Protein backbone atom coordinates (compact mmCIF):
# COMPACT_ATOMS: atom_id res chain seq x y z
CA MET A 1 -42.08 -46.47 172.77
CA ALA A 2 -42.55 -49.92 174.21
CA ARG A 3 -41.62 -50.29 177.77
CA LYS A 4 -40.84 -53.72 179.20
CA GLN A 5 -42.84 -54.81 182.14
CA ILE A 6 -42.30 -57.29 185.12
CA ASP A 7 -44.29 -60.37 184.48
CA VAL A 8 -45.56 -61.92 187.88
CA SER A 9 -48.34 -64.11 186.31
CA GLN A 10 -46.41 -67.47 186.20
CA MET A 11 -44.75 -67.01 189.60
CA ASP A 12 -45.92 -69.69 192.01
CA ASP A 13 -44.05 -68.50 195.12
CA VAL A 14 -46.60 -66.00 196.51
CA PRO A 15 -44.03 -63.89 198.74
CA THR A 16 -41.86 -63.54 195.89
CA LYS A 17 -44.64 -62.53 193.33
CA GLN A 18 -46.04 -60.12 196.29
CA ASN A 19 -42.35 -58.39 196.38
CA PHE A 20 -41.94 -58.09 192.52
CA GLU A 21 -45.57 -56.27 192.51
CA ILE A 22 -44.14 -53.78 195.01
CA VAL A 23 -40.94 -53.28 192.91
CA ARG A 24 -43.03 -52.82 189.81
CA GLU A 25 -45.25 -50.02 191.66
CA VAL A 26 -42.38 -48.27 193.08
CA PHE A 27 -40.54 -48.27 189.71
CA GLY A 28 -43.85 -47.09 188.17
CA SER A 29 -44.22 -44.34 190.39
CA VAL A 30 -40.47 -42.65 189.38
CA PRO A 31 -40.69 -39.99 186.73
CA PHE A 32 -37.15 -40.69 185.71
CA LEU A 33 -37.95 -43.80 184.97
CA LYS A 34 -41.16 -43.27 183.02
CA GLY A 35 -39.63 -42.84 179.59
CA LYS A 36 -36.17 -43.32 178.06
CA PHE A 37 -33.28 -40.91 178.94
CA ARG A 38 -29.44 -40.39 179.14
CA PHE A 39 -27.20 -38.06 180.57
CA PHE A 40 -25.04 -35.69 178.22
CA GLU A 41 -22.14 -33.47 178.79
CA PHE A 42 -20.93 -31.75 175.72
CA THR A 43 -19.15 -28.46 174.98
CA ILE A 44 -20.04 -26.04 171.95
CA SER A 45 -17.24 -24.10 170.67
CA SER A 46 -18.34 -22.81 167.39
CA GLY A 47 -16.25 -19.93 165.86
CA THR A 48 -19.01 -17.38 165.00
CA TYR A 49 -21.64 -16.48 167.50
CA PRO A 50 -24.56 -16.69 167.82
CA ALA A 51 -24.50 -20.10 166.23
CA THR A 52 -27.14 -22.70 165.70
CA VAL A 53 -25.30 -26.23 166.36
CA LEU A 54 -26.46 -29.59 165.74
CA TYR A 55 -25.35 -32.16 168.26
CA LYS A 56 -25.29 -35.71 167.50
CA HIS A 57 -27.19 -37.66 170.22
CA ASN A 58 -27.29 -41.51 169.24
CA LEU A 59 -30.42 -42.04 170.95
CA ASN A 60 -32.37 -43.69 168.02
CA PHE A 61 -35.46 -41.60 168.50
CA VAL A 62 -36.30 -37.98 168.30
CA PRO A 63 -36.20 -36.54 172.19
CA LYS A 64 -38.63 -34.28 173.33
CA ASP A 65 -37.39 -33.34 176.82
CA VAL A 66 -34.31 -31.56 178.09
CA ILE A 67 -33.57 -31.33 181.75
CA LEU A 68 -30.71 -29.00 181.76
CA LEU A 69 -28.68 -29.59 184.86
CA SER A 70 -25.93 -26.97 184.43
CA VAL A 71 -24.21 -24.63 181.67
CA ILE A 72 -20.99 -23.01 182.11
CA GLY A 73 -21.19 -20.06 179.78
CA PRO A 74 -24.15 -18.85 177.79
CA THR A 75 -27.34 -20.45 178.34
CA PRO A 76 -28.19 -22.14 174.87
CA THR A 77 -31.80 -22.37 173.47
CA PHE A 78 -32.99 -25.87 172.55
CA ASN A 79 -34.68 -25.61 169.16
CA TYR A 80 -37.02 -28.72 170.00
CA SER A 81 -38.86 -28.44 166.93
CA ASP A 82 -35.83 -29.05 164.82
CA PHE A 83 -34.67 -32.18 166.87
CA THR A 84 -34.37 -35.14 164.64
CA LEU A 85 -33.46 -39.12 165.03
CA GLU A 86 -29.84 -38.09 164.98
CA ASN A 87 -29.40 -34.65 166.22
CA LEU A 88 -30.27 -32.03 168.88
CA SER A 89 -30.41 -28.45 167.49
CA LEU A 90 -29.23 -25.50 169.96
CA THR A 91 -28.70 -21.65 169.75
CA THR A 92 -26.02 -20.03 171.69
CA SER A 93 -24.17 -16.64 171.92
CA GLY A 94 -20.97 -18.08 173.05
CA GLN A 95 -18.84 -21.26 173.79
CA SER A 96 -20.82 -23.27 176.43
CA THR A 97 -20.30 -26.33 178.32
CA ILE A 98 -23.70 -28.14 178.88
CA ARG A 99 -24.68 -30.92 181.30
CA ALA A 100 -28.22 -32.41 180.81
CA ILE A 101 -30.54 -35.32 180.87
CA ILE A 102 -32.16 -35.73 177.27
CA GLY A 103 -34.80 -38.07 176.29
CA THR A 104 -38.75 -38.44 175.99
CA TYR A 105 -41.25 -38.81 179.06
CA SER A 106 -43.65 -41.53 178.69
CA GLU A 107 -46.78 -42.40 181.13
CA ASN A 108 -46.79 -45.66 179.13
């Protein structure tokens, strides 16, 4: 997963160059900016429980990390080994509304 970098090598104005270097350092130290993440809110309302559900995520990569923010209803189990380019896989024992940040953390 290639990350874009702020390139200051061609800046002639020294104060501007220094300010962009500071911005690059600050942004590089924020964990949520080290990777690709997106906020999701969705409801699982399968008719039969327990149920394993596939949820289309549209991330264009296989996510590795789920930061669960809140759940109304039974807490689901995320089946990480079954995540694909298209879907998350989760198992729940009842109807749930889930709010989560989903993506992949990366140091690169």
